[in-house]
Amino acid sequence: MITVSSINELTTAKQALKDLKKDYPSLYEKFTDMVNLTRALEFKYYYMGRLLMDEDPSECSPHYVYHSVLRVYKRELKKLKEDPNFRNLRTLFFKYRNGIGYANLCLLGLDKNPETLVGPSVMK
């Protein structure tokens, strides 16, 4: 999927994440922990987003990964999804999935500058 991100959408999403961090710090910490785990395992942020949104992740599932590693990853993701305020994060993912995409939302969560994410990107 190709997404084209505008500076306005990215800035708005960045502010929404700042608000989430202020209003639900524990949820935000779990979210950024999950983004960092995704990055450390070299999984795609799109994969994480698909799992968070209960969408079929098969088209972007990691290959050549031990099942035990996937189990740990999914267990950590489940902890995030079981947070009592998870619906707030899910709402953000739903709102921005077609505009800036799951990957850019994750990168904004890692404090990336919106200006660096402007333009087209391919999400696999």
PDB file of N, CA and C in Angstrom:
ATOM      1  N   MET A   1       0.849  -1.166   0.000  1.00  0.00           N
ATOM      2  CA  MET A   1       0.000   0.000   0.000  1.00  0.00           C
ATOM      3  C   MET A   1       0.895   1.229   0.000  1.00  0.00           C
ATOM      4  N   ILE A   2       0.531   2.217  -0.773  1.00  0.00           N
ATOM      5  CA  ILE A   2       1.268   3.475  -0.820  1.00  0.00           C
ATOM      6  C   ILE A   2       0.465   4.528  -0.062  1.00  0.00           C
ATOM      7  N   THR A   3       1.131   5.223   0.845  1.00  0.00           N
ATOM      8  CA  THR A   3       0.488   6.331   1.544  1.00  0.00           C
ATOM      9  C   THR A   3       1.273   7.598   1.260  1.00  0.00           C
ATOM     10  N   VAL A   4       0.562   8.686   1.128  1.00  0.00           N
ATOM     11  CA  VAL A   4       1.193   9.987   0.928  1.00  0.00           C
ATOM     12  C   VAL A   4       0.823  10.842   2.127  1.00  0.00           C
ATOM     13  N   SER A   5       1.831  11.207   2.874  1.00  0.00           N
ATOM     14  CA  SER A   5       1.604  11.935   4.118  1.00  0.00           C
ATOM     15  C   SER A   5       1.838  13.419   3.923  1.00  0.00           C
ATOM     16  N   SER A   6       0.868  14.195   4.356  1.00  0.00           N
ATOM     17  CA  SER A   6       1.029  15.652   4.320  1.00  0.00           C
ATOM     18  C   SER A   6       1.537  16.123   5.675  1.00  0.00           C
ATOM     19  N   ILE A   7       2.171  17.265   5.672  1.00  0.00           N
ATOM     20  CA  ILE A   7       2.698  17.832   6.913  1.00  0.00           C
ATOM     21  C   ILE A   7       1.567  18.122   7.896  1.00  0.00           C
ATOM     22  N   ASN A   8       0.401  18.519   7.390  1.00  0.00           N
ATOM     23  CA  ASN A   8      -0.736  18.802   8.280  1.00  0.00           C
ATOM     24  C   ASN A   8      -1.208  17.543   8.992  1.00  0.00           C
ATOM     25  N   GLU A   9      -1.349  16.445   8.242  1.00  0.00           N
ATOM     26  CA  GLU A   9      -1.779  15.183   8.856  1.00  0.00           C
ATOM     27  C   GLU A   9      -0.759  14.700   9.878  1.00  0.00           C
ATOM     28  N   LEU A  10       0.505  14.781   9.511  1.00  0.00           N
ATOM     29  CA  LEU A  10       1.561  14.326  10.417  1.00  0.00           C
ATOM     30  C   LEU A  10       1.632  15.169  11.683  1.00  0.00           C
ATOM     31  N   THR A  11       1.488  16.468  11.543  1.00  0.00           N
ATOM     32  CA  THR A  11       1.513  17.361  12.702  1.00  0.00           C
ATOM     33  C   THR A  11       0.312  17.118  13.607  1.00  0.00           C
ATOM     34  N   THR A  12      -0.846  16.912  13.002  1.00  0.00           N
ATOM     35  CA  THR A  12      -2.050  16.616  13.776  1.00  0.00           C
ATOM     36  C   THR A  12      -1.902  15.291  14.521  1.00  0.00           C
ATOM     37  N   ALA A  13      -1.364  14.294  13.844  1.00  0.00           N
ATOM     38  CA  ALA A  13      -1.156  12.982  14.479  1.00  0.00           C
ATOM     39  C   ALA A  13      -0.142  13.092  15.611  1.00  0.00           C
ATOM     40  N   LYS A  14       0.917  13.863  15.398  1.00  0.00           N
ATOM     41  CA  LYS A  14       1.928  14.059  16.439  1.00  0.00           C
ATOM     42  C   LYS A  14       1.305  14.702  17.685  1.00  0.00           C
ATOM     43  N   GLN A  15       0.440  15.691  17.481  1.00  0.00           N
ATOM     44  CA  GLN A  15      -0.240  16.331  18.601  1.00  0.00           C
ATOM     45  C   GLN A  15      -1.185  15.354  19.298  1.00  0.00           C
ATOM     46  N   ALA A  16      -1.865  14.523  18.531  1.00  0.00           N
ATOM     47  CA  ALA A  16      -2.759  13.515  19.116  1.00  0.00           C
ATOM     48  C   ALA A  16      -1.964  12.534  19.976  1.00  0.00           C
ATOM     49  N   LEU A  17      -0.771  12.169  19.540  1.00  0.00           N
ATOM     50  CA  LEU A  17       0.076  11.285  20.336  1.00  0.00           C
ATOM     51  C   LEU A  17       0.571  11.981  21.600  1.00  0.00           C
ATOM     52  N   LYS A  18       0.887  13.267  21.505  1.00  0.00           N
ATOM     53  CA  LYS A  18       1.289  14.032  22.693  1.00  0.00           C
ATOM     54  C   LYS A  18       0.153  14.078  23.702  1.00  0.00           C
ATOM     55  N   ASP A  19      -1.067  14.270  23.202  1.00  0.00           N
ATOM     56  CA  ASP A  19      -2.243  14.287  24.082  1.00  0.00           C
ATOM     57  C   ASP A  19      -2.449  12.925  24.733  1.00  0.00           C
ATOM     58  N   LEU A  20      -2.252  11.866  23.956  1.00  0.00           N
ATOM     59  CA  LEU A  20      -2.383  10.508  24.489  1.00  0.00           C
ATOM     60  C   LEU A  20      -1.347  10.284  25.592  1.00  0.00           C
ATOM     61  N   LYS A  21      -0.134  10.751  25.359  1.00  0.00           N
ATOM     62  CA  LYS A  21       0.939  10.603  26.351  1.00  0.00           C
ATOM     63  C   LYS A  21       0.597  11.342  27.640  1.00  0.00           C
ATOM     64  N   LYS A  22       0.029  12.539  27.494  1.00  0.00           N
ATOM     65  CA  LYS A  22      -0.326  13.349  28.670  1.00  0.00           C
ATOM     66  C   LYS A  22      -1.505  12.734  29.428  1.00  0.00           C
ATOM     67  N   ASP A  23      -2.522  12.278  28.694  1.00  0.00           N
ATOM     68  CA  ASP A  23      -3.744  11.775  29.319  1.00  0.00           C
ATOM     69  C   ASP A  23      -3.639  10.325  29.795  1.00  0.00           C
ATOM     70  N   TYR A  24      -2.828   9.517  29.100  1.00  0.00           N
ATOM     71  CA  TYR A  24      -2.720   8.084  29.406  1.00  0.00           C
ATOM     72  C   TYR A  24      -1.248   7.664  29.360  1.00  0.00           C
ATOM     73  N   PRO A  25      -0.449   8.127  30.309  1.00  0.00           N
ATOM     74  CA  PRO A  25       0.992   7.861  30.245  1.00  0.00           C
ATOM     75  C   PRO A  25       1.352   6.372  30.254  1.00  0.00           C
ATOM     76  N   SER A  26       0.623   5.585  30.991  1.00  0.00           N
ATOM     77  CA  SER A  26       0.910   4.150  31.048  1.00  0.00           C
ATOM     78  C   SER A  26       0.634   3.486  29.693  1.00  0.00           C
ATOM     79  N   LEU A  27      -0.457   3.837  29.076  1.00  0.00           N
ATOM     80  CA  LEU A  27      -0.796   3.308  27.751  1.00  0.00           C
ATOM     81  C   LEU A  27       0.263   3.739  26.737  1.00  0.00           C
ATOM     82  N   TYR A  28       0.650   4.997  26.788  1.00  0.00           N
ATOM     83  CA  TYR A  28       1.641   5.511  25.854  1.00  0.00           C
ATOM     84  C   TYR A  28       2.978   4.793  26.027  1.00  0.00           C
ATOM     85  N   GLU A  29       3.350   4.534  27.248  1.00  0.00           N
ATOM     86  CA  GLU A  29       4.597   3.809  27.504  1.00  0.00           C
ATOM     87  C   GLU A  29       4.535   2.400  26.926  1.00  0.00           C
ATOM     88  N   LYS A  30       3.412   1.725  27.103  1.00  0.00           N
ATOM     89  CA  LYS A  30       3.251   0.382  26.522  1.00  0.00           C
ATOM     90  C   LYS A  30       3.322   0.448  24.996  1.00  0.00           C
ATOM     91  N   PHE A  31       2.716   1.478  24.427  1.00  0.00           N
ATOM     92  CA  PHE A  31       2.747   1.657  22.978  1.00  0.00           C
ATOM     93  C   PHE A  31       4.182   1.841  22.489  1.00  0.00           C
ATOM     94  N   THR A  32       4.926   2.742  23.115  1.00  0.00           N
ATOM     95  CA  THR A  32       6.298   2.980  22.657  1.00  0.00           C
ATOM     96  C   THR A  32       7.197   1.775  22.932  1.00  0.00           C
ATOM     97  N   ASP A  33       6.934   1.049  24.011  1.00  0.00           N
ATOM     98  CA  ASP A  33       7.672  -0.194  24.253  1.00  0.00           C
ATOM     99  C   ASP A  33       7.431  -1.178  23.114  1.00  0.00           C
ATOM    100  N   MET A  34       6.184  -1.269  22.663  1.00  0.00           N
ATOM    101  CA  MET A  34       5.837  -2.184  21.577  1.00  0.00           C
ATOM    102  C   MET A  34       6.479  -1.737  20.261  1.00  0.00           C
ATOM    103  N   VAL A  35       6.489  -0.437  20.022  1.00  0.00           N
ATOM    104  CA  VAL A  35       7.128   0.089  18.810  1.00  0.00           C
ATOM    105  C   VAL A  35       8.626  -0.218  18.852  1.00  0.00           C
ATOM    106  N   ASN A  36       9.250  -0.020  20.000  1.00  0.00           N
ATOM    107  CA  ASN A  36      10.684  -0.312  20.131  1.00  0.00           C
ATOM    108  C   ASN A  36      10.979  -1.801  19.981  1.00  0.00           C
ATOM    109  N   LEU A  37      10.110  -2.653  20.508  1.00  0.00           N
ATOM    110  CA  LEU A  37      10.277  -4.094  20.339  1.00  0.00           C
ATOM    111  C   LEU A  37      10.149  -4.467  18.859  1.00  0.00           C
ATOM    112  N   THR A  38       9.194  -3.871  18.194  1.00  0.00           N
ATOM    113  CA  THR A  38       9.004  -4.116  16.763  1.00  0.00           C
ATOM    114  C   THR A  38      10.258  -3.718  15.998  1.00  0.00           C
ATOM    115  N   ARG A  39      10.785  -2.604  16.349  1.00  0.00           N
ATOM    116  CA  ARG A  39      12.012  -2.107  15.701  1.00  0.00           C
ATOM    117  C   ARG A  39      13.191  -3.024  16.002  1.00  0.00           C
ATOM    118  N   ALA A  40      13.350  -3.419  17.263  1.00  0.00           N
ATOM    119  CA  ALA A  40      14.475  -4.264  17.667  1.00  0.00           C
ATOM    120  C   ALA A  40      14.438  -5.625  16.966  1.00  0.00           C
ATOM    121  N   LEU A  41      13.240  -6.146  16.759  1.00  0.00           N
ATOM    122  CA  LEU A  41      13.096  -7.439  16.087  1.00  0.00           C
ATOM    123  C   LEU A  41      13.128  -7.305  14.564  1.00  0.00           C
ATOM    124  N   GLU A  42      13.195  -6.054  14.100  1.00  0.00           N
ATOM    125  CA  GLU A  42      13.203  -5.755  12.673  1.00  0.00           C
ATOM    126  C   GLU A  42      11.927  -6.237  11.973  1.00  0.00           C
ATOM    127  N   PHE A  43      10.800  -6.134  12.697  1.00  0.00           N
ATOM    128  CA  PHE A  43       9.489  -6.389  12.111  1.00  0.00           C
ATOM    129  C   PHE A  43       8.999  -5.085  11.504  1.00  0.00           C
ATOM    130  N   LYS A  44       8.030  -5.182  10.665  1.00  0.00           N
ATOM    131  CA  LYS A  44       7.462  -3.983  10.044  1.00  0.00           C
ATOM    132  C   LYS A  44       6.442  -3.360  10.996  1.00  0.00           C
ATOM    133  N   TYR A  45       6.435  -2.030  11.049  1.00  0.00           N
ATOM    134  CA  TYR A  45       5.444  -1.332  11.869  1.00  0.00           C
ATOM    135  C   TYR A  45       4.040  -1.606  11.330  1.00  0.00           C
ATOM    136  N   TYR A  46       3.954  -1.809  10.040  1.00  0.00           N
ATOM    137  CA  TYR A  46       2.662  -2.134   9.415  1.00  0.00           C
ATOM    138  C   TYR A  46       2.115  -3.443   9.991  1.00  0.00           C
ATOM    139  N   TYR A  47       3.001  -4.401  10.229  1.00  0.00           N
ATOM    140  CA  TYR A  47       2.617  -5.677  10.844  1.00  0.00           C
ATOM    141  C   TYR A  47       2.041  -5.432  12.238  1.00  0.00           C
ATOM    142  N   MET A  48       2.741  -4.614  13.022  1.00  0.00           N
ATOM    143  CA  MET A  48       2.257  -4.293  14.359  1.00  0.00           C
ATOM    144  C   MET A  48       0.888  -3.626  14.288  1.00  0.00           C
ATOM    145  N   GLY A  49       0.737  -2.661  13.384  1.00  0.00           N
ATOM    146  CA  GLY A  49      -0.539  -1.968  13.238  1.00  0.00           C
ATOM    147  C   GLY A  49      -1.665  -2.911  12.851  1.00  0.00           C
ATOM    148  N   ARG A  50      -1.380  -3.823  11.930  1.00  0.00           N
ATOM    149  CA  ARG A  50      -2.406  -4.786  11.509  1.00  0.00           C
ATOM    150  C   ARG A  50      -2.840  -5.660  12.691  1.00  0.00           C
ATOM    151  N   LEU A  51      -1.880  -6.081  13.498  1.00  0.00           N
ATOM    152  CA  LEU A  51      -2.222  -6.886  14.676  1.00  0.00           C
ATOM    153  C   LEU A  51      -3.027  -6.075  15.693  1.00  0.00           C
ATOM    154  N   LEU A  52      -2.620  -4.824  15.913  1.00  0.00           N
ATOM    155  CA  LEU A  52      -3.353  -3.973  16.858  1.00  0.00           C
ATOM    156  C   LEU A  52      -4.796  -3.758  16.431  1.00  0.00           C
ATOM    157  N   MET A  53      -5.010  -3.663  15.128  1.00  0.00           N
ATOM    158  CA  MET A  53      -6.345  -3.376  14.605  1.00  0.00           C
ATOM    159  C   MET A  53      -7.135  -4.641  14.290  1.00  0.00           C
ATOM    160  N   ASP A  54      -6.601  -5.796  14.683  1.00  0.00           N
ATOM    161  CA  ASP A  54      -7.250  -7.089  14.430  1.00  0.00           C
ATOM    162  C   ASP A  54      -7.502  -7.313  12.943  1.00  0.00           C
ATOM    163  N   GLU A  55      -6.559  -6.893  12.127  1.00  0.00           N
ATOM    164  CA  GLU A  55      -6.617  -7.112  10.685  1.00  0.00           C
ATOM    165  C   GLU A  55      -5.687  -8.265  10.333  1.00  0.00           C
ATOM    166  N   ASP A  56      -5.911  -8.871   9.186  1.00  0.00           N
ATOM    167  CA  ASP A  56      -5.093  -9.997   8.752  1.00  0.00           C
ATOM    168  C   ASP A  56      -3.667  -9.524   8.461  1.00  0.00           C
ATOM    169  N   PRO A  57      -2.689 -10.022   9.227  1.00  0.00           N
ATOM    170  CA  PRO A  57      -1.309  -9.565   9.032  1.00  0.00           C
ATOM    171  C   PRO A  57      -0.502 -10.450   8.080  1.00  0.00           C
ATOM    172  N   SER A  58      -1.140 -11.424   7.452  1.00  0.00           N
ATOM    173  CA  SER A  58      -0.393 -12.422   6.684  1.00  0.00           C
ATOM    174  C   SER A  58       0.444 -11.822   5.560  1.00  0.00           C
ATOM    175  N   GLU A  59      -0.023 -10.754   4.938  1.00  0.00           N
ATOM    176  CA  GLU A  59       0.731 -10.162   3.827  1.00  0.00           C
ATOM    177  C   GLU A  59       2.017  -9.479   4.266  1.00  0.00           C
ATOM    178  N   CYS A  60       2.137  -9.201   5.551  1.00  0.00           N
ATOM    179  CA  CYS A  60       3.337  -8.503   6.026  1.00  0.00           C
ATOM    180  C   CYS A  60       3.976  -9.218   7.216  1.00  0.00           C
ATOM    181  N   SER A  61       3.623 -10.475   7.421  1.00  0.00           N
ATOM    182  CA  SER A  61       4.189 -11.241   8.535  1.00  0.00           C
ATOM    183  C   SER A  61       5.684 -11.445   8.351  1.00  0.00           C
ATOM    184  N   PRO A  62       6.422 -11.416   9.452  1.00  0.00           N
ATOM    185  CA  PRO A  62       7.862 -11.650   9.348  1.00  0.00           C
ATOM    186  C   PRO A  62       8.147 -13.093   8.936  1.00  0.00           C
ATOM    187  N   HIS A  63       9.171 -13.250   8.127  1.00  0.00           N
ATOM    188  CA  HIS A  63       9.564 -14.576   7.665  1.00  0.00           C
ATOM    189  C   HIS A  63      10.809 -15.024   8.417  1.00  0.00           C
ATOM    190  N   TYR A  64      10.991 -16.307   8.512  1.00  0.00           N
ATOM    191  CA  TYR A  64      12.187 -16.877   9.110  1.00  0.00           C
ATOM    192  C   TYR A  64      12.393 -16.423  10.550  1.00  0.00           C
ATOM    193  N   VAL A  65      11.295 -16.383  11.282  1.00  0.00           N
ATOM    194  CA  VAL A  65      11.353 -16.012  12.697  1.00  0.00           C
ATOM    195  C   VAL A  65      10.885 -17.216  13.496  1.00  0.00           C
ATOM    196  N   TYR A  66      11.599 -17.514  14.555  1.00  0.00           N
ATOM    197  CA  TYR A  66      11.204 -18.629  15.407  1.00  0.00           C
ATOM    198  C   TYR A  66       9.804 -18.390  15.960  1.00  0.00           C
ATOM    199  N   HIS A  67       9.041 -19.453  16.044  1.00  0.00           N
ATOM    200  CA  HIS A  67       7.678 -19.345  16.584  1.00  0.00           C
ATOM    201  C   HIS A  67       7.704 -18.847  18.022  1.00  0.00           C
ATOM    202  N   SER A  68       8.744 -19.209  18.763  1.00  0.00           N
ATOM    203  CA  SER A  68       8.847 -18.753  20.154  1.00  0.00           C
ATOM    204  C   SER A  68       8.993 -17.228  20.217  1.00  0.00           C
ATOM    205  N   VAL A  69       9.711 -16.641  19.266  1.00  0.00           N
ATOM    206  CA  VAL A  69       9.867 -15.186  19.224  1.00  0.00           C
ATOM    207  C   VAL A  69       8.524 -14.531  18.896  1.00  0.00           C
ATOM    208  N   LEU A  70       7.809 -15.099  17.937  1.00  0.00           N
ATOM    209  CA  LEU A  70       6.479 -14.561  17.595  1.00  0.00           C
ATOM    210  C   LEU A  70       5.520 -14.667  18.777  1.00  0.00           C
ATOM    211  N   ARG A  71       5.620 -15.754  19.530  1.00  0.00           N
ATOM    212  CA  ARG A  71       4.749 -15.905  20.712  1.00  0.00           C
ATOM    213  C   ARG A  71       5.034 -14.804  21.731  1.00  0.00           C
ATOM    214  N   VAL A  72       6.303 -14.531  21.983  1.00  0.00           N
ATOM    215  CA  VAL A  72       6.674 -13.473  22.937  1.00  0.00           C
ATOM    216  C   VAL A  72       6.171 -12.126  22.423  1.00  0.00           C
ATOM    217  N   TYR A  73       6.367 -11.867  21.139  1.00  0.00           N
ATOM    218  CA  TYR A  73       5.928 -10.612  20.537  1.00  0.00           C
ATOM    219  C   TYR A  73       4.413 -10.444  20.685  1.00  0.00           C
ATOM    220  N   LYS A  74       3.675 -11.482  20.362  1.00  0.00           N
ATOM    221  CA  LYS A  74       2.211 -11.407  20.445  1.00  0.00           C
ATOM    222  C   LYS A  74       1.733 -11.323  21.893  1.00  0.00           C
ATOM    223  N   ARG A  75       2.477 -11.911  22.804  1.00  0.00           N
ATOM    224  CA  ARG A  75       2.129 -11.808  24.224  1.00  0.00           C
ATOM    225  C   ARG A  75       2.283 -10.361  24.695  1.00  0.00           C
ATOM    226  N   GLU A  76       3.355  -9.695  24.271  1.00  0.00           N
ATOM    227  CA  GLU A  76       3.567  -8.289  24.627  1.00  0.00           C
ATOM    228  C   GLU A  76       2.507  -7.401  23.984  1.00  0.00           C
ATOM    229  N   LEU A  77       2.148  -7.707  22.760  1.00  0.00           N
ATOM    230  CA  LEU A  77       1.099  -6.956  22.069  1.00  0.00           C
ATOM    231  C   LEU A  77      -0.239  -7.120  22.797  1.00  0.00           C
ATOM    232  N   LYS A  78      -0.477  -8.314  23.294  1.00  0.00           N
ATOM    233  CA  LYS A  78      -1.724  -8.581  24.029  1.00  0.00           C
ATOM    234  C   LYS A  78      -1.792  -7.724  25.297  1.00  0.00           C
ATOM    235  N   LYS A  79      -0.659  -7.536  25.963  1.00  0.00           N
ATOM    236  CA  LYS A  79      -0.630  -6.684  27.159  1.00  0.00           C
ATOM    237  C   LYS A  79      -1.057  -5.264  26.816  1.00  0.00           C
ATOM    238  N   LEU A  80      -0.590  -4.773  25.682  1.00  0.00           N
ATOM    239  CA  LEU A  80      -0.983  -3.440  25.230  1.00  0.00           C
ATOM    240  C   LEU A  80      -2.476  -3.395  24.952  1.00  0.00           C
ATOM    241  N   LYS A  81      -2.983  -4.403  24.269  1.00  0.00           N
ATOM    242  CA  LYS A  81      -4.396  -4.421  23.897  1.00  0.00           C
ATOM    243  C   LYS A  81      -5.316  -4.601  25.111  1.00  0.00           C
ATOM    244  N   GLU A  82      -4.784  -5.147  26.187  1.00  0.00           N
ATOM    245  CA  GLU A  82      -5.585  -5.350  27.402  1.00  0.00           C
ATOM    246  C   GLU A  82      -5.592  -4.134  28.320  1.00  0.00           C
ATOM    247  N   ASP A  83      -4.847  -3.120  27.971  1.00  0.00           N
ATOM    248  CA  ASP A  83      -4.854  -1.893  28.762  1.00  0.00           C
ATOM    249  C   ASP A  83      -6.270  -1.328  28.754  1.00  0.00           C
ATOM    250  N   PRO A  84      -6.776  -0.876  29.908  1.00  0.00           N
ATOM    251  CA  PRO A  84      -8.154  -0.371  29.973  1.00  0.00           C
ATOM    252  C   PRO A  84      -8.419   0.824  29.055  1.00  0.00           C
ATOM    253  N   ASN A  85      -7.381   1.539  28.668  1.00  0.00           N
ATOM    254  CA  ASN A  85      -7.547   2.718  27.805  1.00  0.00           C
ATOM    255  C   ASN A  85      -7.131   2.460  26.361  1.00  0.00           C
ATOM    256  N   PHE A  86      -6.939   1.199  25.995  1.00  0.00           N
ATOM    257  CA  PHE A  86      -6.463   0.852  24.667  1.00  0.00           C
ATOM    258  C   PHE A  86      -7.348   1.419  23.559  1.00  0.00           C
ATOM    259  N   ARG A  87      -8.635   1.551  23.814  1.00  0.00           N
ATOM    260  CA  ARG A  87      -9.537   2.055  22.766  1.00  0.00           C
ATOM    261  C   ARG A  87      -9.101   3.433  22.263  1.00  0.00           C
ATOM    262  N   ASN A  88      -8.455   4.216  23.129  1.00  0.00           N
ATOM    263  CA  ASN A  88      -7.971   5.540  22.720  1.00  0.00           C
ATOM    264  C   ASN A  88      -6.839   5.429  21.694  1.00  0.00           C
ATOM    265  N   LEU A  89      -5.940   4.497  21.904  1.00  0.00           N
ATOM    266  CA  LEU A  89      -4.867   4.263  20.940  1.00  0.00           C
ATOM    267  C   LEU A  89      -5.444   3.666  19.653  1.00  0.00           C
ATOM    268  N   ARG A  90      -6.359   2.758  19.799  1.00  0.00           N
ATOM    269  CA  ARG A  90      -6.982   2.128  18.631  1.00  0.00           C
ATOM    270  C   ARG A  90      -7.713   3.170  17.774  1.00  0.00           C
ATOM    271  N   THR A  91      -8.353   4.117  18.424  1.00  0.00           N
ATOM    272  CA  THR A  91      -9.028   5.194  17.704  1.00  0.00           C
ATOM    273  C   THR A  91      -8.027   5.995  16.872  1.00  0.00           C
ATOM    274  N   LEU A  92      -6.852   6.276  17.444  1.00  0.00           N
ATOM    275  CA  LEU A  92      -5.807   6.986  16.697  1.00  0.00           C
ATOM    276  C   LEU A  92      -5.349   6.173  15.486  1.00  0.00           C
ATOM    277  N   PHE A  93      -5.134   4.884  15.692  1.00  0.00           N
ATOM    278  CA  PHE A  93      -4.706   4.046  14.576  1.00  0.00           C
ATOM    279  C   PHE A  93      -5.780   4.005  13.489  1.00  0.00           C
ATOM    280  N   PHE A  94      -7.022   3.931  13.900  1.00  0.00           N
ATOM    281  CA  PHE A  94      -8.110   3.909  12.916  1.00  0.00           C
ATOM    282  C   PHE A  94      -8.168   5.230  12.147  1.00  0.00           C
ATOM    283  N   LYS A  95      -8.038   6.323  12.869  1.00  0.00           N
ATOM    284  CA  LYS A  95      -8.150   7.644  12.254  1.00  0.00           C
ATOM    285  C   LYS A  95      -7.043   7.906  11.231  1.00  0.00           C
ATOM    286  N   TYR A  96      -5.830   7.442  11.514  1.00  0.00           N
ATOM    287  CA  TYR A  96      -4.685   7.788  10.673  1.00  0.00           C
ATOM    288  C   TYR A  96      -4.195   6.654   9.772  1.00  0.00           C
ATOM    289  N   ARG A  97      -4.856   5.512   9.781  1.00  0.00           N
ATOM    290  CA  ARG A  97      -4.337   4.381   9.008  1.00  0.00           C
ATOM    291  C   ARG A  97      -4.309   4.632   7.506  1.00  0.00           C
ATOM    292  N   ASN A  98      -5.289   5.327   6.972  1.00  0.00           N
ATOM    293  CA  ASN A  98      -5.327   5.568   5.531  1.00  0.00           C
ATOM    294  C   ASN A  98      -4.619   6.856   5.134  1.00  0.00           C
ATOM    295  N   GLY A  99      -4.435   7.769   6.057  1.00  0.00           N
ATOM    296  CA  GLY A  99      -3.773   9.035   5.754  1.00  0.00           C
ATOM    297  C   GLY A  99      -2.265   8.913   5.836  1.00  0.00           C
ATOM    298  N   ILE A 100      -1.747   8.775   7.049  1.00  0.00           N
ATOM    299  CA  ILE A 100      -0.292   8.696   7.212  1.00  0.00           C
ATOM    300  C   ILE A 100       0.187   7.256   7.335  1.00  0.00           C
ATOM    301  N   GLY A 101      -0.698   6.349   7.688  1.00  0.00           N
ATOM    302  CA  GLY A 101      -0.330   4.939   7.786  1.00  0.00           C
ATOM    303  C   GLY A 101       0.182   4.552   9.161  1.00  0.00           C
ATOM    304  N   TYR A 102       0.137   3.240   9.395  1.00  0.00           N
ATOM    305  CA  TYR A 102       0.566   2.702  10.691  1.00  0.00           C
ATOM    306  C   TYR A 102       2.044   2.983  10.957  1.00  0.00           C
ATOM    307  N   ALA A 103       2.881   2.828   9.946  1.00  0.00           N
ATOM    308  CA  ALA A 103       4.327   2.991  10.151  1.00  0.00           C
ATOM    309  C   ALA A 103       4.666   4.412  10.584  1.00  0.00           C
ATOM    310  N   ASN A 104       4.105   5.401   9.911  1.00  0.00           N
ATOM    311  CA  ASN A 104       4.407   6.788  10.286  1.00  0.00           C
ATOM    312  C   ASN A 104       3.875   7.118  11.670  1.00  0.00           C
ATOM    313  N   LEU A 105       2.745   6.557  12.037  1.00  0.00           N
ATOM    314  CA  LEU A 105       2.213   6.778  13.381  1.00  0.00           C
ATOM    315  C   LEU A 105       3.183   6.209  14.425  1.00  0.00           C
ATOM    316  N   CYS A 106       3.732   5.047  14.133  1.00  0.00           N
ATOM    317  CA  CYS A 106       4.714   4.455  15.042  1.00  0.00           C
ATOM    318  C   CYS A 106       5.977   5.303  15.110  1.00  0.00           C
ATOM    319  N   LEU A 107       6.425   5.784  13.967  1.00  0.00           N
ATOM    320  CA  LEU A 107       7.623   6.625  13.947  1.00  0.00           C
ATOM    321  C   LEU A 107       7.407   7.935  14.702  1.00  0.00           C
ATOM    322  N   LEU A 108       6.217   8.496  14.600  1.00  0.00           N
ATOM    323  CA  LEU A 108       5.899   9.697  15.383  1.00  0.00           C
ATOM    324  C   LEU A 108       5.926   9.380  16.867  1.00  0.00           C
ATOM    325  N   GLY A 109       5.500   8.181  17.231  1.00  0.00           N
ATOM    326  CA  GLY A 109       5.556   7.745  18.625  1.00  0.00           C
ATOM    327  C   GLY A 109       6.982   7.637  19.140  1.00  0.00           C
ATOM    328  N   LEU A 110       7.916   7.430  18.212  1.00  0.00           N
ATOM    329  CA  LEU A 110       9.333   7.380  18.576  1.00  0.00           C
ATOM    330  C   LEU A 110       9.974   8.767  18.531  1.00  0.00           C
ATOM    331  N   ASP A 111       9.134   9.790  18.449  1.00  0.00           N
ATOM    332  CA  ASP A 111       9.568  11.192  18.447  1.00  0.00           C
ATOM    333  C   ASP A 111      10.241  11.641  17.152  1.00  0.00           C
ATOM    334  N   LYS A 112       9.903  10.984  16.054  1.00  0.00           N
ATOM    335  CA  LYS A 112      10.386  11.461  14.752  1.00  0.00           C
ATOM    336  C   LYS A 112       9.728  12.790  14.448  1.00  0.00           C
ATOM    337  N   ASN A 113      10.469  13.647  13.799  1.00  0.00           N
ATOM    338  CA  ASN A 113       9.971  14.950  13.393  1.00  0.00           C
ATOM    339  C   ASN A 113       9.015  14.767  12.206  1.00  0.00           C
ATOM    340  N   PRO A 114       7.803  15.324  12.260  1.00  0.00           N
ATOM    341  CA  PRO A 114       6.854  15.166  11.152  1.00  0.00           C
ATOM    342  C   PRO A 114       7.421  15.580   9.794  1.00  0.00           C
ATOM    343  N   GLU A 115       8.281  16.597   9.775  1.00  0.00           N
ATOM    344  CA  GLU A 115       8.843  17.071   8.505  1.00  0.00           C
ATOM    345  C   GLU A 115       9.655  15.996   7.798  1.00  0.00           C
ATOM    346  N   THR A 116      10.252  15.086   8.553  1.00  0.00           N
ATOM    347  CA  THR A 116      11.070  14.031   7.957  1.00  0.00           C
ATOM    348  C   THR A 116      10.225  12.920   7.335  1.00  0.00           C
ATOM    349  N   LEU A 117       8.944  12.906   7.641  1.00  0.00           N
ATOM    350  CA  LEU A 117       8.064  11.828   7.168  1.00  0.00           C
ATOM    351  C   LEU A 117       7.142  12.256   6.041  1.00  0.00           C
ATOM    352  N   VAL A 118       7.252  13.480   5.585  1.00  0.00           N
ATOM    353  CA  VAL A 118       6.370  14.006   4.540  1.00  0.00           C
ATOM    354  C   VAL A 118       6.669  13.305   3.220  1.00  0.00           C
ATOM    355  N   GLY A 119       5.585  13.019   2.479  1.00  0.00           N
ATOM    356  CA  GLY A 119       5.738  12.462   1.142  1.00  0.00           C
ATOM    357  C   GLY A 119       5.274  11.035   1.061  1.00  0.00           C
ATOM    358  N   PRO A 120       5.439  10.431  -0.110  1.00  0.00           N
ATOM    359  CA  PRO A 120       4.954   9.065  -0.315  1.00  0.00           C
ATOM    360  C   PRO A 120       5.866   8.046   0.359  1.00  0.00           C
ATOM    361  N   SER A 121       5.247   6.982   0.834  1.00  0.00           N
ATOM    362  CA  SER A 121       6.001   5.854   1.368  1.00  0.00           C
ATOM    363  C   SER A 121       5.242   4.583   1.050  1.00  0.00           C
ATOM    364  N   VAL A 122       5.974   3.509   0.910  1.00  0.00           N
ATOM    365  CA  VAL A 122       5.376   2.210   0.596  1.00  0.00           C
ATOM    366  C   VAL A 122       5.327   1.399   1.864  1.00  0.00           C
ATOM    367  N   MET A 123       4.130   0.894   2.200  1.00  0.00           N
ATOM    368  CA  MET A 123       3.937   0.073   3.387  1.00  0.00           C
ATOM    369  C   MET A 123       3.696  -1.355   2.932  1.00  0.00           C
ATOM    370  N   LYS A 124       4.553  -2.267   3.393  1.00  0.00           N
ATOM    371  CA  LYS A 124       4.391  -3.699   3.081  1.00  0.00           C
ATOM    372  C   LYS A 124       4.251  -4.470   4.341  1.00  0.00           C
TER     373      LYS A 124
END
